[in-house]
PDB file of N, CA and C in Angstrom:
ATOM      1  N   UNK A   1      45.317  16.235 -17.367  1.00  0.00           N
ATOM      2  CA  UNK A   1      44.002  16.772 -17.275  1.00  0.00           C
ATOM      3  C   UNK A   1      43.671  16.998 -15.805  1.00  0.00           C
ATOM      4  N   UNK A   2      43.202  18.173 -15.474  1.00  0.00           N
ATOM      5  CA  UNK A   2      42.901  18.459 -14.066  1.00  0.00           C
ATOM      6  C   UNK A   2      41.610  17.751 -13.629  1.00  0.00           C
ATOM      7  N   UNK A   3      41.583  17.360 -12.389  1.00  0.00           N
ATOM      8  CA  UNK A   3      40.406  16.709 -11.823  1.00  0.00           C
ATOM      9  C   UNK A   3      39.494  17.779 -11.250  1.00  0.00           C
ATOM     10  N   UNK A   4      38.271  17.736 -11.678  1.00  0.00           N
ATOM     11  CA  UNK A   4      37.311  18.743 -11.233  1.00  0.00           C
ATOM     12  C   UNK A   4      36.523  18.195 -10.035  1.00  0.00           C
ATOM     13  N   UNK A   5      36.509  18.934  -8.973  1.00  0.00           N
ATOM     14  CA  UNK A   5      35.772  18.537  -7.771  1.00  0.00           C
ATOM     15  C   UNK A   5      34.337  19.030  -7.886  1.00  0.00           C
ATOM     16  N   UNK A   6      33.423  18.126  -7.687  1.00  0.00           N
ATOM     17  CA  UNK A   6      32.009  18.470  -7.745  1.00  0.00           C
ATOM     18  C   UNK A   6      31.415  18.255  -6.364  1.00  0.00           C
ATOM     19  N   UNK A   7      30.801  19.315  -5.863  1.00  0.00           N
ATOM     20  CA  UNK A   7      30.148  19.203  -4.563  1.00  0.00           C
ATOM     21  C   UNK A   7      28.743  18.669  -4.785  1.00  0.00           C
ATOM     22  N   UNK A   8      28.587  17.375  -4.632  1.00  0.00           N
ATOM     23  CA  UNK A   8      27.328  16.714  -4.906  1.00  0.00           C
ATOM     24  C   UNK A   8      26.526  16.470  -3.629  1.00  0.00           C
ATOM     25  N   UNK A   9      26.975  17.015  -2.528  1.00  0.00           N
ATOM     26  CA  UNK A   9      26.319  16.735  -1.250  1.00  0.00           C
ATOM     27  C   UNK A   9      24.912  17.298  -1.196  1.00  0.00           C
ATOM     28  N   UNK A  10      24.616  18.356  -1.958  1.00  0.00           N
ATOM     29  CA  UNK A  10      23.284  18.943  -1.930  1.00  0.00           C
ATOM     30  C   UNK A  10      22.247  18.004  -2.546  1.00  0.00           C
ATOM     31  N   UNK A  11      22.669  17.087  -3.400  1.00  0.00           N
ATOM     32  CA  UNK A  11      21.734  16.146  -4.010  1.00  0.00           C
ATOM     33  C   UNK A  11      21.222  15.103  -3.027  1.00  0.00           C
ATOM     34  N   UNK A  12      21.892  14.946  -1.909  1.00  0.00           N
ATOM     35  CA  UNK A  12      21.507  13.917  -0.949  1.00  0.00           C
ATOM     36  C   UNK A  12      20.770  14.477   0.258  1.00  0.00           C
ATOM     37  N   UNK A  13      20.405  15.727   0.203  1.00  0.00           N
ATOM     38  CA  UNK A  13      19.686  16.351   1.310  1.00  0.00           C
ATOM     39  C   UNK A  13      18.187  16.227   1.058  1.00  0.00           C
ATOM     40  N   UNK A  14      17.495  15.721   2.040  1.00  0.00           N
ATOM     41  CA  UNK A  14      16.041  15.620   1.957  1.00  0.00           C
ATOM     42  C   UNK A  14      15.460  16.752   2.780  1.00  0.00           C
ATOM     43  N   UNK A  15      14.717  17.592   2.133  1.00  0.00           N
ATOM     44  CA  UNK A  15      14.077  18.717   2.816  1.00  0.00           C
ATOM     45  C   UNK A  15      12.641  18.320   3.169  1.00  0.00           C
ATOM     46  N   UNK A  16      12.454  17.946   4.429  1.00  0.00           N
ATOM     47  CA  UNK A  16      11.143  17.474   4.869  1.00  0.00           C
ATOM     48  C   UNK A  16      10.079  18.558   4.785  1.00  0.00           C
ATOM     49  N   UNK A  17      10.463  19.798   4.961  1.00  0.00           N
ATOM     50  CA  UNK A  17       9.495  20.887   4.866  1.00  0.00           C
ATOM     51  C   UNK A  17       8.896  20.953   3.464  1.00  0.00           C
ATOM     52  N   UNK A  18       9.715  20.707   2.447  1.00  0.00           N
ATOM     53  CA  UNK A  18       9.219  20.725   1.070  1.00  0.00           C
ATOM     54  C   UNK A  18       8.267  19.564   0.826  1.00  0.00           C
ATOM     55  N   UNK A  19       8.530  18.423   1.454  1.00  0.00           N
ATOM     56  CA  UNK A  19       7.645  17.267   1.305  1.00  0.00           C
ATOM     57  C   UNK A  19       6.309  17.556   1.979  1.00  0.00           C
ATOM     58  N   UNK A  20       6.357  18.162   3.157  1.00  0.00           N
ATOM     59  CA  UNK A  20       5.127  18.451   3.893  1.00  0.00           C
ATOM     60  C   UNK A  20       4.252  19.455   3.149  1.00  0.00           C
ATOM     61  N   UNK A  21       4.860  20.324   2.358  1.00  0.00           N
ATOM     62  CA  UNK A  21       4.101  21.334   1.636  1.00  0.00           C
ATOM     63  C   UNK A  21       3.506  20.800   0.339  1.00  0.00           C
ATOM     64  N   UNK A  22       3.941  19.649  -0.083  1.00  0.00           N
ATOM     65  CA  UNK A  22       3.422  19.075  -1.323  1.00  0.00           C
ATOM     66  C   UNK A  22       1.934  18.781  -1.146  1.00  0.00           C
ATOM     67  N   UNK A  23       1.130  19.087  -2.140  1.00  0.00           N
ATOM     68  CA  UNK A  23      -0.310  18.862  -1.991  1.00  0.00           C
ATOM     69  C   UNK A  23      -0.635  17.375  -1.916  1.00  0.00           C
ATOM     70  N   UNK A  24      -1.514  17.036  -0.995  1.00  0.00           N
ATOM     71  CA  UNK A  24      -1.935  15.647  -0.841  1.00  0.00           C
ATOM     72  C   UNK A  24      -2.988  15.331  -1.900  1.00  0.00           C
ATOM     73  N   UNK A  25      -2.768  14.247  -2.598  1.00  0.00           N
ATOM     74  CA  UNK A  25      -3.747  13.801  -3.583  1.00  0.00           C
ATOM     75  C   UNK A  25      -4.835  13.029  -2.825  1.00  0.00           C
ATOM     76  N   UNK A  26      -6.091  13.176  -3.230  1.00  0.00           N
ATOM     77  CA  UNK A  26      -7.132  12.375  -2.571  1.00  0.00           C
ATOM     78  C   UNK A  26      -6.924  10.894  -2.884  1.00  0.00           C
ATOM     79  N   UNK A  27      -7.119  10.069  -1.877  1.00  0.00           N
ATOM     80  CA  UNK A  27      -6.932   8.637  -2.053  1.00  0.00           C
ATOM     81  C   UNK A  27      -8.102   8.039  -2.818  1.00  0.00           C
ATOM     82  N   UNK A  28      -7.776   7.130  -3.711  1.00  0.00           N
ATOM     83  CA  UNK A  28      -8.801   6.441  -4.475  1.00  0.00           C
ATOM     84  C   UNK A  28      -9.474   5.414  -3.573  1.00  0.00           C
ATOM     85  N   UNK A  29     -10.761   5.289  -3.708  1.00  0.00           N
ATOM     86  CA  UNK A  29     -11.516   4.343  -2.894  1.00  0.00           C
ATOM     87  C   UNK A  29     -11.134   2.903  -3.238  1.00  0.00           C
ATOM     88  N   UNK A  30     -11.134   2.064  -2.235  1.00  0.00           N
ATOM     89  CA  UNK A  30     -10.827   0.652  -2.462  1.00  0.00           C
ATOM     90  C   UNK A  30     -11.919  -0.030  -3.282  1.00  0.00           C
ATOM     91  N   UNK A  31     -13.127   0.486  -3.229  1.00  0.00           N
ATOM     92  CA  UNK A  31     -14.212  -0.073  -4.038  1.00  0.00           C
ATOM     93  C   UNK A  31     -13.926   0.102  -5.523  1.00  0.00           C
ATOM     94  N   UNK A  32     -13.191   1.150  -5.873  1.00  0.00           N
ATOM     95  CA  UNK A  32     -12.819   1.385  -7.268  1.00  0.00           C
ATOM     96  C   UNK A  32     -11.607   0.535  -7.644  1.00  0.00           C
ATOM     97  N   UNK A  33     -10.666   0.417  -6.727  1.00  0.00           N
ATOM     98  CA  UNK A  33      -9.426  -0.319  -7.003  1.00  0.00           C
ATOM     99  C   UNK A  33      -9.632  -1.827  -7.115  1.00  0.00           C
ATOM    100  N   UNK A  34     -10.560  -2.351  -6.323  1.00  0.00           N
ATOM    101  CA  UNK A  34     -10.751  -3.795  -6.271  1.00  0.00           C
ATOM    102  C   UNK A  34     -12.047  -4.140  -6.994  1.00  0.00           C
ATOM    103  N   UNK A  35     -11.907  -4.810  -8.104  1.00  0.00           N
ATOM    104  CA  UNK A  35     -13.075  -5.215  -8.890  1.00  0.00           C
ATOM    105  C   UNK A  35     -13.871  -6.283  -8.135  1.00  0.00           C
ATOM    106  N   UNK A  36     -15.141  -6.478  -8.486  1.00  0.00           N
ATOM    107  CA  UNK A  36     -15.933  -7.525  -7.817  1.00  0.00           C
ATOM    108  C   UNK A  36     -15.317  -8.921  -7.953  1.00  0.00           C
ATOM    109  N   UNK A  37     -14.684  -9.188  -9.096  1.00  0.00           N
ATOM    110  CA  UNK A  37     -14.054 -10.501  -9.285  1.00  0.00           C
ATOM    111  C   UNK A  37     -12.863 -10.666  -8.336  1.00  0.00           C
ATOM    112  N   UNK A  38     -12.031  -9.612  -8.242  1.00  0.00           N
ATOM    113  CA  UNK A  38     -10.892  -9.683  -7.321  1.00  0.00           C
ATOM    114  C   UNK A  38     -11.370  -9.746  -5.875  1.00  0.00           C
ATOM    115  N   UNK A  39     -12.404  -9.007  -5.571  1.00  0.00           N
ATOM    116  CA  UNK A  39     -12.960  -9.005  -4.219  1.00  0.00           C
ATOM    117  C   UNK A  39     -13.372 -10.423  -3.824  1.00  0.00           C
ATOM    118  N   UNK A  40     -14.064 -11.103  -4.728  1.00  0.00           N
ATOM    119  CA  UNK A  40     -14.501 -12.471  -4.462  1.00  0.00           C
ATOM    120  C   UNK A  40     -13.296 -13.406  -4.334  1.00  0.00           C
ATOM    121  N   UNK A  41     -12.310 -13.215  -5.192  1.00  0.00           N
ATOM    122  CA  UNK A  41     -11.118 -14.064  -5.164  1.00  0.00           C
ATOM    123  C   UNK A  41     -10.343 -13.878  -3.866  1.00  0.00           C
ATOM    124  N   UNK A  42     -10.129 -12.611  -3.460  1.00  0.00           N
ATOM    125  CA  UNK A  42      -9.400 -12.349  -2.213  1.00  0.00           C
ATOM    126  C   UNK A  42     -10.160 -12.898  -1.014  1.00  0.00           C
ATOM    127  N   UNK A  43     -11.480 -12.709  -1.014  1.00  0.00           N
ATOM    128  CA  UNK A  43     -12.291 -13.214   0.092  1.00  0.00           C
ATOM    129  C   UNK A  43     -12.178 -14.736   0.191  1.00  0.00           C
ATOM    130  N   UNK A  44     -12.220 -15.390  -0.948  1.00  0.00           N
ATOM    131  CA  UNK A  44     -12.155 -16.861  -0.970  1.00  0.00           C
ATOM    132  C   UNK A  44     -10.777 -17.372  -0.566  1.00  0.00           C
ATOM    133  N   UNK A  45      -9.720 -16.806  -1.161  1.00  0.00           N
ATOM    134  CA  UNK A  45      -8.366 -17.321  -0.937  1.00  0.00           C
ATOM    135  C   UNK A  45      -7.785 -16.896   0.410  1.00  0.00           C
ATOM    136  N   UNK A  46      -8.047 -15.670   0.835  1.00  0.00           N
ATOM    137  CA  UNK A  46      -7.412 -15.157   2.055  1.00  0.00           C
ATOM    138  C   UNK A  46      -8.260 -15.360   3.307  1.00  0.00           C
ATOM    139  N   UNK A  47      -9.596 -15.352   3.142  1.00  0.00           N
ATOM    140  CA  UNK A  47     -10.469 -15.420   4.306  1.00  0.00           C
ATOM    141  C   UNK A  47     -11.403 -16.621   4.269  1.00  0.00           C
ATOM    142  N   UNK A  48     -11.057 -17.618   3.485  1.00  0.00           N
ATOM    143  CA  UNK A  48     -11.844 -18.860   3.375  1.00  0.00           C
ATOM    144  C   UNK A  48     -13.306 -18.583   3.047  1.00  0.00           C
ATOM    145  N   UNK A  49     -13.552 -17.563   2.231  1.00  0.00           N
ATOM    146  CA  UNK A  49     -14.905 -17.244   1.805  1.00  0.00           C
ATOM    147  C   UNK A  49     -15.710 -16.408   2.778  1.00  0.00           C
ATOM    148  N   UNK A  50     -15.100 -15.987   3.890  1.00  0.00           N
ATOM    149  CA  UNK A  50     -15.815 -15.177   4.884  1.00  0.00           C
ATOM    150  C   UNK A  50     -15.784 -13.711   4.436  1.00  0.00           C
ATOM    151  N   UNK A  51     -16.816 -13.306   3.724  1.00  0.00           N
ATOM    152  CA  UNK A  51     -16.873 -11.947   3.181  1.00  0.00           C
ATOM    153  C   UNK A  51     -16.981 -10.894   4.276  1.00  0.00           C
ATOM    154  N   UNK A  52     -17.553 -11.239   5.414  1.00  0.00           N
ATOM    155  CA  UNK A  52     -17.709 -10.283   6.514  1.00  0.00           C
ATOM    156  C   UNK A  52     -16.348  -9.834   7.046  1.00  0.00           C
ATOM    157  N   UNK A  53     -15.458 -10.779   7.258  1.00  0.00           N
ATOM    158  CA  UNK A  53     -14.112 -10.428   7.745  1.00  0.00           C
ATOM    159  C   UNK A  53     -13.358  -9.615   6.705  1.00  0.00           C
ATOM    160  N   UNK A  54     -13.506  -9.970   5.446  1.00  0.00           N
ATOM    161  CA  UNK A  54     -12.836  -9.233   4.378  1.00  0.00           C
ATOM    162  C   UNK A  54     -13.375  -7.807   4.290  1.00  0.00           C
ATOM    163  N   UNK A  55     -14.694  -7.647   4.380  1.00  0.00           N
ATOM    164  CA  UNK A  55     -15.294  -6.314   4.340  1.00  0.00           C
ATOM    165  C   UNK A  55     -14.861  -5.467   5.535  1.00  0.00           C
ATOM    166  N   UNK A  56     -14.701  -6.109   6.681  1.00  0.00           N
ATOM    167  CA  UNK A  56     -14.243  -5.387   7.874  1.00  0.00           C
ATOM    168  C   UNK A  56     -12.816  -4.867   7.657  1.00  0.00           C
ATOM    169  N   UNK A  57     -11.961  -5.703   7.072  1.00  0.00           N
ATOM    170  CA  UNK A  57     -10.593  -5.272   6.781  1.00  0.00           C
ATOM    171  C   UNK A  57     -10.603  -4.121   5.776  1.00  0.00           C
ATOM    172  N   UNK A  58     -11.417  -4.220   4.742  1.00  0.00           N
ATOM    173  CA  UNK A  58     -11.491  -3.146   3.746  1.00  0.00           C
ATOM    174  C   UNK A  58     -11.966  -1.837   4.377  1.00  0.00           C
ATOM    175  N   UNK A  59     -12.917  -1.921   5.302  1.00  0.00           N
ATOM    176  CA  UNK A  59     -13.401  -0.717   5.990  1.00  0.00           C
ATOM    177  C   UNK A  59     -12.281  -0.084   6.807  1.00  0.00           C
ATOM    178  N   UNK A  60     -11.475  -0.897   7.455  1.00  0.00           N
ATOM    179  CA  UNK A  60     -10.348  -0.369   8.231  1.00  0.00           C
ATOM    180  C   UNK A  60      -9.298   0.240   7.309  1.00  0.00           C
ATOM    181  N   UNK A  61      -9.023  -0.436   6.198  1.00  0.00           N
ATOM    182  CA  UNK A  61      -8.033   0.073   5.250  1.00  0.00           C
ATOM    183  C   UNK A  61      -8.495   1.361   4.577  1.00  0.00           C
ATOM    184  N   UNK A  62      -9.782   1.503   4.392  1.00  0.00           N
ATOM    185  CA  UNK A  62     -10.329   2.710   3.756  1.00  0.00           C
ATOM    186  C   UNK A  62     -10.008   3.955   4.574  1.00  0.00           C
ATOM    187  N   UNK A  63      -9.923   3.804   5.884  1.00  0.00           N
ATOM    188  CA  UNK A  63      -9.658   4.951   6.749  1.00  0.00           C
ATOM    189  C   UNK A  63      -8.171   5.152   7.048  1.00  0.00           C
ATOM    190  N   UNK A  64      -7.323   4.255   6.573  1.00  0.00           N
ATOM    191  CA  UNK A  64      -5.880   4.379   6.827  1.00  0.00           C
ATOM    192  C   UNK A  64      -5.342   5.602   6.081  1.00  0.00           C
ATOM    193  N   UNK A  65      -4.705   6.532   6.795  1.00  0.00           N
ATOM    194  CA  UNK A  65      -4.270   7.780   6.161  1.00  0.00           C
ATOM    195  C   UNK A  65      -3.031   7.651   5.276  1.00  0.00           C
ATOM    196  N   UNK A  66      -2.216   6.618   5.508  1.00  0.00           N
ATOM    197  CA  UNK A  66      -0.985   6.471   4.732  1.00  0.00           C
ATOM    198  C   UNK A  66      -0.623   4.990   4.615  1.00  0.00           C
ATOM    199  N   UNK A  67       0.402   4.733   3.802  1.00  0.00           N
ATOM    200  CA  UNK A  67       0.805   3.350   3.553  1.00  0.00           C
ATOM    201  C   UNK A  67       1.294   2.670   4.817  1.00  0.00           C
ATOM    202  N   UNK A  68       1.978   3.393   5.670  1.00  0.00           N
ATOM    203  CA  UNK A  68       2.499   2.794   6.905  1.00  0.00           C
ATOM    204  C   UNK A  68       1.363   2.245   7.766  1.00  0.00           C
ATOM    205  N   UNK A  69       0.304   3.028   7.922  1.00  0.00           N
ATOM    206  CA  UNK A  69      -0.850   2.582   8.716  1.00  0.00           C
ATOM    207  C   UNK A  69      -1.547   1.411   8.026  1.00  0.00           C
ATOM    208  N   UNK A  70      -1.687   1.487   6.709  1.00  0.00           N
ATOM    209  CA  UNK A  70      -2.322   0.395   5.967  1.00  0.00           C
ATOM    210  C   UNK A  70      -1.496  -0.884   6.074  1.00  0.00           C
ATOM    211  N   UNK A  71      -0.190  -0.758   5.989  1.00  0.00           N
ATOM    212  CA  UNK A  71       0.692  -1.923   6.088  1.00  0.00           C
ATOM    213  C   UNK A  71       0.557  -2.586   7.458  1.00  0.00           C
ATOM    214  N   UNK A  72       0.473  -1.770   8.491  1.00  0.00           N
ATOM    215  CA  UNK A  72       0.319  -2.330   9.840  1.00  0.00           C
ATOM    216  C   UNK A  72      -1.001  -3.089   9.969  1.00  0.00           C
ATOM    217  N   UNK A  73      -2.060  -2.542   9.388  1.00  0.00           N
ATOM    218  CA  UNK A  73      -3.341  -3.243   9.409  1.00  0.00           C
ATOM    219  C   UNK A  73      -3.258  -4.577   8.668  1.00  0.00           C
ATOM    220  N   UNK A  74      -2.634  -4.552   7.496  1.00  0.00           N
ATOM    221  CA  UNK A  74      -2.468  -5.785   6.726  1.00  0.00           C
ATOM    222  C   UNK A  74      -1.642  -6.808   7.496  1.00  0.00           C
ATOM    223  N   UNK A  75      -0.538  -6.357   8.047  1.00  0.00           N
ATOM    224  CA  UNK A  75       0.352  -7.243   8.784  1.00  0.00           C
ATOM    225  C   UNK A  75      -0.375  -7.883   9.968  1.00  0.00           C
ATOM    226  N   UNK A  76      -1.127  -7.068  10.694  1.00  0.00           N
ATOM    227  CA  UNK A  76      -1.867  -7.572  11.851  1.00  0.00           C
ATOM    228  C   UNK A  76      -2.938  -8.573  11.416  1.00  0.00           C
ATOM    229  N   UNK A  77      -3.648  -8.243  10.352  1.00  0.00           N
ATOM    230  CA  UNK A  77      -4.693  -9.140   9.846  1.00  0.00           C
ATOM    231  C   UNK A  77      -4.103 -10.456   9.351  1.00  0.00           C
ATOM    232  N   UNK A  78      -3.036 -10.384   8.587  1.00  0.00           N
ATOM    233  CA  UNK A  78      -2.405 -11.605   8.081  1.00  0.00           C
ATOM    234  C   UNK A  78      -1.912 -12.478   9.233  1.00  0.00           C
ATOM    235  N   UNK A  79      -1.378 -11.850  10.271  1.00  0.00           N
ATOM    236  CA  UNK A  79      -0.900 -12.607  11.425  1.00  0.00           C
ATOM    237  C   UNK A  79      -2.069 -13.299  12.130  1.00  0.00           C
ATOM    238  N   UNK A  80      -3.163 -12.550  12.354  1.00  0.00           N
ATOM    239  CA  UNK A  80      -4.333 -13.109  13.033  1.00  0.00           C
ATOM    240  C   UNK A  80      -4.957 -14.252  12.247  1.00  0.00           C
ATOM    241  N   UNK A  81      -5.016 -14.112  10.928  1.00  0.00           N
ATOM    242  CA  UNK A  81      -5.646 -15.118  10.083  1.00  0.00           C
ATOM    243  C   UNK A  81      -4.681 -16.230   9.674  1.00  0.00           C
ATOM    244  N   UNK A  82      -3.441 -16.139  10.123  1.00  0.00           N
ATOM    245  CA  UNK A  82      -2.387 -17.100   9.776  1.00  0.00           C
ATOM    246  C   UNK A  82      -2.218 -17.197   8.258  1.00  0.00           C
ATOM    247  N   UNK A  83      -2.148 -16.023   7.622  1.00  0.00           N
ATOM    248  CA  UNK A  83      -1.943 -15.932   6.179  1.00  0.00           C
ATOM    249  C   UNK A  83      -0.490 -15.568   5.942  1.00  0.00           C
ATOM    250  N   UNK A  84       0.177 -16.309   5.099  1.00  0.00           N
ATOM    251  CA  UNK A  84       1.548 -15.972   4.754  1.00  0.00           C
ATOM    252  C   UNK A  84       1.548 -14.704   3.903  1.00  0.00           C
ATOM    253  N   UNK A  85       2.299 -13.684   4.299  1.00  0.00           N
ATOM    254  CA  UNK A  85       2.338 -12.454   3.494  1.00  0.00           C
ATOM    255  C   UNK A  85       3.000 -12.675   2.136  1.00  0.00           C
ATOM    256  N   UNK A  86       3.646 -13.825   1.969  1.00  0.00           N
ATOM    257  CA  UNK A  86       4.323 -14.138   0.712  1.00  0.00           C
ATOM    258  C   UNK A  86       3.465 -14.989  -0.224  1.00  0.00           C
ATOM    259  N   UNK A  87       2.272 -15.351   0.231  1.00  0.00           N
ATOM    260  CA  UNK A  87       1.356 -16.096  -0.636  1.00  0.00           C
ATOM    261  C   UNK A  87       0.975 -15.208  -1.819  1.00  0.00           C
ATOM    262  N   UNK A  88       0.703 -15.820  -2.945  1.00  0.00           N
ATOM    263  CA  UNK A  88       0.438 -15.065  -4.173  1.00  0.00           C
ATOM    264  C   UNK A  88      -0.731 -14.098  -3.986  1.00  0.00           C
ATOM    265  N   UNK A  89      -1.824 -14.567  -3.433  1.00  0.00           N
ATOM    266  CA  UNK A  89      -3.006 -13.712  -3.263  1.00  0.00           C
ATOM    267  C   UNK A  89      -2.744 -12.601  -2.250  1.00  0.00           C
ATOM    268  N   UNK A  90      -2.020 -12.904  -1.187  1.00  0.00           N
ATOM    269  CA  UNK A  90      -1.703 -11.890  -0.186  1.00  0.00           C
ATOM    270  C   UNK A  90      -0.813 -10.801  -0.792  1.00  0.00           C
ATOM    271  N   UNK A  91       0.121 -11.204  -1.615  1.00  0.00           N
ATOM    272  CA  UNK A  91       1.006 -10.239  -2.272  1.00  0.00           C
ATOM    273  C   UNK A  91       0.223  -9.375  -3.254  1.00  0.00           C
ATOM    274  N   UNK A  92      -0.659  -9.984  -4.020  1.00  0.00           N
ATOM    275  CA  UNK A  92      -1.475  -9.215  -4.963  1.00  0.00           C
ATOM    276  C   UNK A  92      -2.364  -8.218  -4.231  1.00  0.00           C
ATOM    277  N   UNK A  93      -2.944  -8.644  -3.117  1.00  0.00           N
ATOM    278  CA  UNK A  93      -3.801  -7.766  -2.326  1.00  0.00           C
ATOM    279  C   UNK A  93      -2.995  -6.610  -1.740  1.00  0.00           C
ATOM    280  N   UNK A  94      -1.835  -6.917  -1.179  1.00  0.00           N
ATOM    281  CA  UNK A  94      -0.969  -5.876  -0.617  1.00  0.00           C
ATOM    282  C   UNK A  94      -0.531  -4.885  -1.691  1.00  0.00           C
ATOM    283  N   UNK A  95      -0.221  -5.387  -2.873  1.00  0.00           N
ATOM    284  CA  UNK A  95       0.190  -4.511  -3.973  1.00  0.00           C
ATOM    285  C   UNK A  95      -0.928  -3.554  -4.378  1.00  0.00           C
ATOM    286  N   UNK A  96      -2.160  -4.049  -4.385  1.00  0.00           N
ATOM    287  CA  UNK A  96      -3.292  -3.183  -4.714  1.00  0.00           C
ATOM    288  C   UNK A  96      -3.454  -2.066  -3.680  1.00  0.00           C
ATOM    289  N   UNK A  97      -3.304  -2.427  -2.424  1.00  0.00           N
ATOM    290  CA  UNK A  97      -3.410  -1.423  -1.363  1.00  0.00           C
ATOM    291  C   UNK A  97      -2.262  -0.423  -1.481  1.00  0.00           C
ATOM    292  N   UNK A  98      -1.064  -0.905  -1.769  1.00  0.00           N
ATOM    293  CA  UNK A  98       0.097  -0.032  -1.937  1.00  0.00           C
ATOM    294  C   UNK A  98      -0.133   0.968  -3.071  1.00  0.00           C
ATOM    295  N   UNK A  99      -0.695   0.486  -4.181  1.00  0.00           N
ATOM    296  CA  UNK A  99      -0.952   1.357  -5.333  1.00  0.00           C
ATOM    297  C   UNK A  99      -1.942   2.473  -4.997  1.00  0.00           C
ATOM    298  N   UNK A 100      -2.723   2.287  -3.971  1.00  0.00           N
ATOM    299  CA  UNK A 100      -3.641   3.344  -3.546  1.00  0.00           C
ATOM    300  C   UNK A 100      -2.863   4.562  -3.060  1.00  0.00           C
ATOM    301  N   UNK A 101      -1.780   4.313  -2.374  1.00  0.00           N
ATOM    302  CA  UNK A 101      -0.991   5.394  -1.795  1.00  0.00           C
ATOM    303  C   UNK A 101       0.101   5.894  -2.732  1.00  0.00           C
ATOM    304  N   UNK A 102       0.583   5.033  -3.596  1.00  0.00           N
ATOM    305  CA  UNK A 102       1.643   5.384  -4.552  1.00  0.00           C
ATOM    306  C   UNK A 102       1.219   4.958  -5.960  1.00  0.00           C
ATOM    307  N   UNK A 103       0.269   5.675  -6.556  1.00  0.00           N
ATOM    308  CA  UNK A 103      -0.268   5.247  -7.850  1.00  0.00           C
ATOM    309  C   UNK A 103       0.726   5.353  -8.996  1.00  0.00           C
ATOM    310  N   UNK A 104       1.754   6.178  -8.851  1.00  0.00           N
ATOM    311  CA  UNK A 104       2.724   6.378  -9.937  1.00  0.00           C
ATOM    312  C   UNK A 104       3.947   5.472  -9.834  1.00  0.00           C
ATOM    313  N   UNK A 105       3.967   4.597  -8.839  1.00  0.00           N
ATOM    314  CA  UNK A 105       5.106   3.699  -8.662  1.00  0.00           C
ATOM    315  C   UNK A 105       5.084   2.646  -9.762  1.00  0.00           C
ATOM    316  N   UNK A 106       6.113   2.627 -10.574  1.00  0.00           N
ATOM    317  CA  UNK A 106       6.143   1.715 -11.721  1.00  0.00           C
ATOM    318  C   UNK A 106       6.631   0.319 -11.353  1.00  0.00           C
ATOM    319  N   UNK A 107       7.122   0.123 -10.148  1.00  0.00           N
ATOM    320  CA  UNK A 107       7.683  -1.175  -9.763  1.00  0.00           C
ATOM    321  C   UNK A 107       6.633  -2.156  -9.300  1.00  0.00           C
ATOM    322  N   UNK A 108       5.426  -1.695  -9.042  1.00  0.00           N
ATOM    323  CA  UNK A 108       4.371  -2.591  -8.556  1.00  0.00           C
ATOM    324  C   UNK A 108       3.325  -2.741  -9.625  1.00  0.00           C
TER     325      UNK A 108
END
């Protein structure tokens, strides 16, 4: 049986121009994504009940244009507050923010 050569190299090419032309979906507001119960829980567990600091972080995250910028804000905040990014509440909060930028991602 002859071996058929398949040129599969075209499947691994990322065309950035095509990505840039894709329409941007409007980002969902964090006020919609985070219920009042979760808001209270995150404020209590991550910020020791200091709602002002939590609201300030949410305001900064609301203006983040993409996941990379949002991740940097989260990372900086967690470092400043000495919050382990692997803590259950921190992971849940990060996942919610991630879902804002990638709502169709089934892994989160």
